[in-house]
């Protein structure tokens, strides 16, 4: 007889999406606080829409807290973040980085969408092998917290 792994679900309230139910193994746990949000340690990624390049990084611990995030390479092909060894150790990264790390940029979306910016200086790094995450500050001087994403022309 084959034993089927029982998936545990968790339900939590959000201000944007109402009550959300996710598999417990989809929860991303931050190893350090996101600056300014010490109570928010557990998050889930919620797609913005089907085929959208954007996701919501929704806090489980703070119903009102959700960041719009994206894969930075979709908008910045030459992005080359250098993540320091200490951050990788905190995330318990072992072996091949390529397959286990997810890099996300937090977006700022003002009323004028052409002024939308991506934080390339401090990406969120997720180790998908253990669902730990950390917002890191890159040593790269080339990046800032407000890179324009769209051209107005």
C-alpha atoms as a PDB file:
ATOM      1  CA  UNK A   1       0.000   0.000   0.000  1.00  0.00           C
ATOM      2  CA  UNK A   2       1.323   3.428  -0.979  1.00  0.00           C
ATOM      3  CA  UNK A   3       1.154   6.045   1.717  1.00  0.00           C
ATOM      4  CA  UNK A   4      -0.013   9.407   0.399  1.00  0.00           C
ATOM      5  CA  UNK A   5       1.482  12.470   2.041  1.00  0.00           C
ATOM      6  CA  UNK A   6      -1.306  14.459   3.631  1.00  0.00           C
ATOM      7  CA  UNK A   7      -1.076  18.128   2.765  1.00  0.00           C
ATOM      8  CA  UNK A   8      -1.741  20.452   5.658  1.00  0.00           C
ATOM      9  CA  UNK A   9      -3.608  23.614   4.831  1.00  0.00           C
ATOM     10  CA  UNK A  10      -3.491  26.928   6.609  1.00  0.00           C
ATOM     11  CA  UNK A  11      -6.143  29.650   6.411  1.00  0.00           C
ATOM     12  CA  UNK A  12      -5.448  33.285   7.183  1.00  0.00           C
ATOM     13  CA  UNK A  13      -7.162  36.653   6.661  1.00  0.00           C
ATOM     14  CA  UNK A  14      -5.896  39.318   4.255  1.00  0.00           C
ATOM     15  CA  UNK A  15      -7.188  42.796   3.515  1.00  0.00           C
ATOM     16  CA  UNK A  16      -6.788  42.361  -0.280  1.00  0.00           C
ATOM     17  CA  UNK A  17      -7.828  38.766  -0.883  1.00  0.00           C
ATOM     18  CA  UNK A  18     -10.170  37.904   1.998  1.00  0.00           C
ATOM     19  CA  UNK A  19      -9.513  34.531   3.626  1.00  0.00           C
ATOM     20  CA  UNK A  20      -6.683  32.705   1.877  1.00  0.00           C
ATOM     21  CA  UNK A  21      -6.037  28.981   2.149  1.00  0.00           C
ATOM     22  CA  UNK A  22      -2.655  27.562   1.150  1.00  0.00           C
ATOM     23  CA  UNK A  23      -0.690  24.379   1.587  1.00  0.00           C
ATOM     24  CA  UNK A  24       1.583  24.687   4.599  1.00  0.00           C
ATOM     25  CA  UNK A  25       4.571  23.740   2.438  1.00  0.00           C
ATOM     26  CA  UNK A  26       4.048  26.913   0.348  1.00  0.00           C
ATOM     27  CA  UNK A  27       4.794  29.203   3.301  1.00  0.00           C
ATOM     28  CA  UNK A  28       7.993  31.197   2.951  1.00  0.00           C
ATOM     29  CA  UNK A  29       9.678  32.008   6.268  1.00  0.00           C
ATOM     30  CA  UNK A  30      11.979  35.001   6.537  1.00  0.00           C
ATOM     31  CA  UNK A  31      15.143  34.287   8.531  1.00  0.00           C
ATOM     32  CA  UNK A  32      15.506  37.997   9.349  1.00  0.00           C
ATOM     33  CA  UNK A  33      12.836  40.657   9.457  1.00  0.00           C
ATOM     34  CA  UNK A  34      12.038  42.747   6.433  1.00  0.00           C
ATOM     35  CA  UNK A  35      13.202  46.237   7.465  1.00  0.00           C
ATOM     36  CA  UNK A  36      10.272  48.086   8.991  1.00  0.00           C
ATOM     37  CA  UNK A  37       8.120  44.963   9.451  1.00  0.00           C
ATOM     38  CA  UNK A  38       9.467  43.020  12.458  1.00  0.00           C
ATOM     39  CA  UNK A  39       6.221  41.097  13.047  1.00  0.00           C
ATOM     40  CA  UNK A  40       5.979  39.748   9.497  1.00  0.00           C
ATOM     41  CA  UNK A  41       7.950  36.495   9.250  1.00  0.00           C
ATOM     42  CA  UNK A  42       5.675  34.201   7.199  1.00  0.00           C
ATOM     43  CA  UNK A  43       4.550  34.945   3.646  1.00  0.00           C
ATOM     44  CA  UNK A  44       3.022  33.275   0.615  1.00  0.00           C
ATOM     45  CA  UNK A  45       3.263  34.164  -3.053  1.00  0.00           C
ATOM     46  CA  UNK A  46      -0.081  34.855  -4.681  1.00  0.00           C
ATOM     47  CA  UNK A  47      -0.224  35.364  -8.467  1.00  0.00           C
ATOM     48  CA  UNK A  48      -1.524  38.787  -9.469  1.00  0.00           C
ATOM     49  CA  UNK A  49      -3.345  37.330 -12.469  1.00  0.00           C
ATOM     50  CA  UNK A  50      -2.936  34.452 -14.879  1.00  0.00           C
ATOM     51  CA  UNK A  51       0.105  35.021 -17.125  1.00  0.00           C
ATOM     52  CA  UNK A  52       1.073  38.167 -15.190  1.00  0.00           C
ATOM     53  CA  UNK A  53       4.749  38.857 -14.463  1.00  0.00           C
ATOM     54  CA  UNK A  54       3.703  40.096 -11.016  1.00  0.00           C
ATOM     55  CA  UNK A  55       2.951  38.308  -7.759  1.00  0.00           C
ATOM     56  CA  UNK A  56       1.893  39.417  -4.319  1.00  0.00           C
ATOM     57  CA  UNK A  57       4.169  38.531  -1.425  1.00  0.00           C
ATOM     58  CA  UNK A  58       1.377  38.363   1.153  1.00  0.00           C
ATOM     59  CA  UNK A  59       2.120  38.308   4.865  1.00  0.00           C
ATOM     60  CA  UNK A  60       0.390  35.648   6.923  1.00  0.00           C
ATOM     61  CA  UNK A  61       1.229  37.466  10.160  1.00  0.00           C
ATOM     62  CA  UNK A  62      -0.016  40.920   9.097  1.00  0.00           C
ATOM     63  CA  UNK A  63      -3.229  40.790   6.990  1.00  0.00           C
ATOM     64  CA  UNK A  64      -2.687  44.302   5.606  1.00  0.00           C
ATOM     65  CA  UNK A  65       0.893  43.701   4.415  1.00  0.00           C
ATOM     66  CA  UNK A  66       1.511  42.575   0.840  1.00  0.00           C
ATOM     67  CA  UNK A  67       4.264  43.555  -1.572  1.00  0.00           C
ATOM     68  CA  UNK A  68       4.012  43.438  -5.355  1.00  0.00           C
ATOM     69  CA  UNK A  69       7.049  41.498  -6.583  1.00  0.00           C
ATOM     70  CA  UNK A  70       8.476  40.301  -9.874  1.00  0.00           C
ATOM     71  CA  UNK A  71      11.374  38.385 -11.343  1.00  0.00           C
ATOM     72  CA  UNK A  72      13.835  41.225 -12.020  1.00  0.00           C
ATOM     73  CA  UNK A  73      15.271  39.555 -15.141  1.00  0.00           C
ATOM     74  CA  UNK A  74      11.930  39.986 -16.922  1.00  0.00           C
ATOM     75  CA  UNK A  75      12.607  43.745 -16.959  1.00  0.00           C
ATOM     76  CA  UNK A  76      16.383  44.005 -16.418  1.00  0.00           C
ATOM     77  CA  UNK A  77      18.129  41.317 -18.484  1.00  0.00           C
ATOM     78  CA  UNK A  78      21.627  42.368 -17.392  1.00  0.00           C
ATOM     79  CA  UNK A  79      20.843  42.283 -13.651  1.00  0.00           C
ATOM     80  CA  UNK A  80      23.745  40.627 -11.813  1.00  0.00           C
ATOM     81  CA  UNK A  81      23.146  40.586  -8.072  1.00  0.00           C
ATOM     82  CA  UNK A  82      26.072  39.501  -5.914  1.00  0.00           C
ATOM     83  CA  UNK A  83      24.755  37.852  -2.756  1.00  0.00           C
ATOM     84  CA  UNK A  84      27.218  37.646   0.110  1.00  0.00           C
ATOM     85  CA  UNK A  85      28.166  34.340   1.707  1.00  0.00           C
ATOM     86  CA  UNK A  86      26.649  35.273   5.077  1.00  0.00           C
ATOM     87  CA  UNK A  87      23.217  35.715   3.527  1.00  0.00           C
ATOM     88  CA  UNK A  88      23.520  32.395   1.684  1.00  0.00           C
ATOM     89  CA  UNK A  89      24.493  30.670   4.945  1.00  0.00           C
ATOM     90  CA  UNK A  90      21.442  32.125   6.733  1.00  0.00           C
ATOM     91  CA  UNK A  91      19.275  30.707   3.954  1.00  0.00           C
ATOM     92  CA  UNK A  92      21.054  27.341   4.288  1.00  0.00           C
ATOM     93  CA  UNK A  93      21.927  27.304   0.591  1.00  0.00           C
ATOM     94  CA  UNK A  94      23.913  24.241  -0.367  1.00  0.00           C
ATOM     95  CA  UNK A  95      25.329  23.211  -3.722  1.00  0.00           C
ATOM     96  CA  UNK A  96      23.988  24.594  -6.987  1.00  0.00           C
ATOM     97  CA  UNK A  97      22.578  28.099  -6.521  1.00  0.00           C
ATOM     98  CA  UNK A  98      20.899  28.143  -9.917  1.00  0.00           C
ATOM     99  CA  UNK A  99      18.210  25.616  -9.127  1.00  0.00           C
ATOM    100  CA  UNK A 100      17.365  26.593  -5.571  1.00  0.00           C
ATOM    101  CA  UNK A 101      17.312  30.397  -5.421  1.00  0.00           C
ATOM    102  CA  UNK A 102      14.390  32.592  -6.405  1.00  0.00           C
ATOM    103  CA  UNK A 103      15.189  36.301  -6.676  1.00  0.00           C
ATOM    104  CA  UNK A 104      12.346  38.813  -6.487  1.00  0.00           C
ATOM    105  CA  UNK A 105      12.282  42.592  -6.667  1.00  0.00           C
ATOM    106  CA  UNK A 106       9.784  44.533  -4.593  1.00  0.00           C
ATOM    107  CA  UNK A 107       7.946  47.098  -6.704  1.00  0.00           C
ATOM    108  CA  UNK A 108       6.655  50.555  -5.927  1.00  0.00           C
ATOM    109  CA  UNK A 109       3.587  51.375  -7.989  1.00  0.00           C
ATOM    110  CA  UNK A 110       2.476  55.029  -7.927  1.00  0.00           C
ATOM    111  CA  UNK A 111      -0.675  56.417  -9.542  1.00  0.00           C
ATOM    112  CA  UNK A 112       1.203  56.820 -12.825  1.00  0.00           C
ATOM    113  CA  UNK A 113       2.220  53.249 -13.823  1.00  0.00           C
ATOM    114  CA  UNK A 114       5.016  54.615 -16.031  1.00  0.00           C
ATOM    115  CA  UNK A 115       6.741  55.693 -12.821  1.00  0.00           C
ATOM    116  CA  UNK A 116       6.682  52.158 -11.370  1.00  0.00           C
ATOM    117  CA  UNK A 117      10.061  51.226  -9.891  1.00  0.00           C
ATOM    118  CA  UNK A 118      11.837  48.052  -8.828  1.00  0.00           C
ATOM    119  CA  UNK A 119      14.100  47.720  -5.824  1.00  0.00           C
ATOM    120  CA  UNK A 120      17.176  46.081  -7.360  1.00  0.00           C
ATOM    121  CA  UNK A 121      19.430  47.046  -4.432  1.00  0.00           C
ATOM    122  CA  UNK A 122      17.579  44.921  -1.882  1.00  0.00           C
ATOM    123  CA  UNK A 123      15.988  41.879  -3.539  1.00  0.00           C
ATOM    124  CA  UNK A 124      14.099  39.160  -1.708  1.00  0.00           C
ATOM    125  CA  UNK A 125      15.978  35.880  -1.995  1.00  0.00           C
ATOM    126  CA  UNK A 126      14.049  32.634  -1.449  1.00  0.00           C
ATOM    127  CA  UNK A 127      15.751  29.276  -1.029  1.00  0.00           C
ATOM    128  CA  UNK A 128      13.098  27.107  -2.669  1.00  0.00           C
ATOM    129  CA  UNK A 129      14.609  23.916  -1.252  1.00  0.00           C
ATOM    130  CA  UNK A 130      13.602  24.877   2.310  1.00  0.00           C
ATOM    131  CA  UNK A 131      11.308  27.914   1.771  1.00  0.00           C
ATOM    132  CA  UNK A 132      13.477  30.306   3.750  1.00  0.00           C
ATOM    133  CA  UNK A 133      13.797  33.900   2.605  1.00  0.00           C
ATOM    134  CA  UNK A 134      15.725  37.059   3.293  1.00  0.00           C
ATOM    135  CA  UNK A 135      15.700  40.555   1.917  1.00  0.00           C
ATOM    136  CA  UNK A 136      19.364  41.179   1.215  1.00  0.00           C
ATOM    137  CA  UNK A 137      21.238  44.385   0.553  1.00  0.00           C
ATOM    138  CA  UNK A 138      23.573  43.926  -2.381  1.00  0.00           C
ATOM    139  CA  UNK A 139      27.123  45.224  -2.397  1.00  0.00           C
ATOM    140  CA  UNK A 140      26.687  46.127  -6.101  1.00  0.00           C
ATOM    141  CA  UNK A 141      26.942  49.907  -6.404  1.00  0.00           C
ATOM    142  CA  UNK A 142      25.152  49.759  -9.775  1.00  0.00           C
ATOM    143  CA  UNK A 143      21.731  49.215  -8.234  1.00  0.00           C
ATOM    144  CA  UNK A 144      19.319  51.424  -6.342  1.00  0.00           C
ATOM    145  CA  UNK A 145      15.978  50.963  -4.640  1.00  0.00           C
ATOM    146  CA  UNK A 146      14.129  52.792  -7.448  1.00  0.00           C
ATOM    147  CA  UNK A 147      14.868  51.554 -10.976  1.00  0.00           C
ATOM    148  CA  UNK A 148      12.253  52.682 -13.498  1.00  0.00           C
ATOM    149  CA  UNK A 149      10.596  49.651 -15.059  1.00  0.00           C
ATOM    150  CA  UNK A 150       8.715  51.102 -18.007  1.00  0.00           C
ATOM    151  CA  UNK A 151       9.614  53.619 -20.632  1.00  0.00           C
ATOM    152  CA  UNK A 152       7.144  56.461 -21.123  1.00  0.00           C
ATOM    153  CA  UNK A 153       7.817  56.594 -24.858  1.00  0.00           C
END
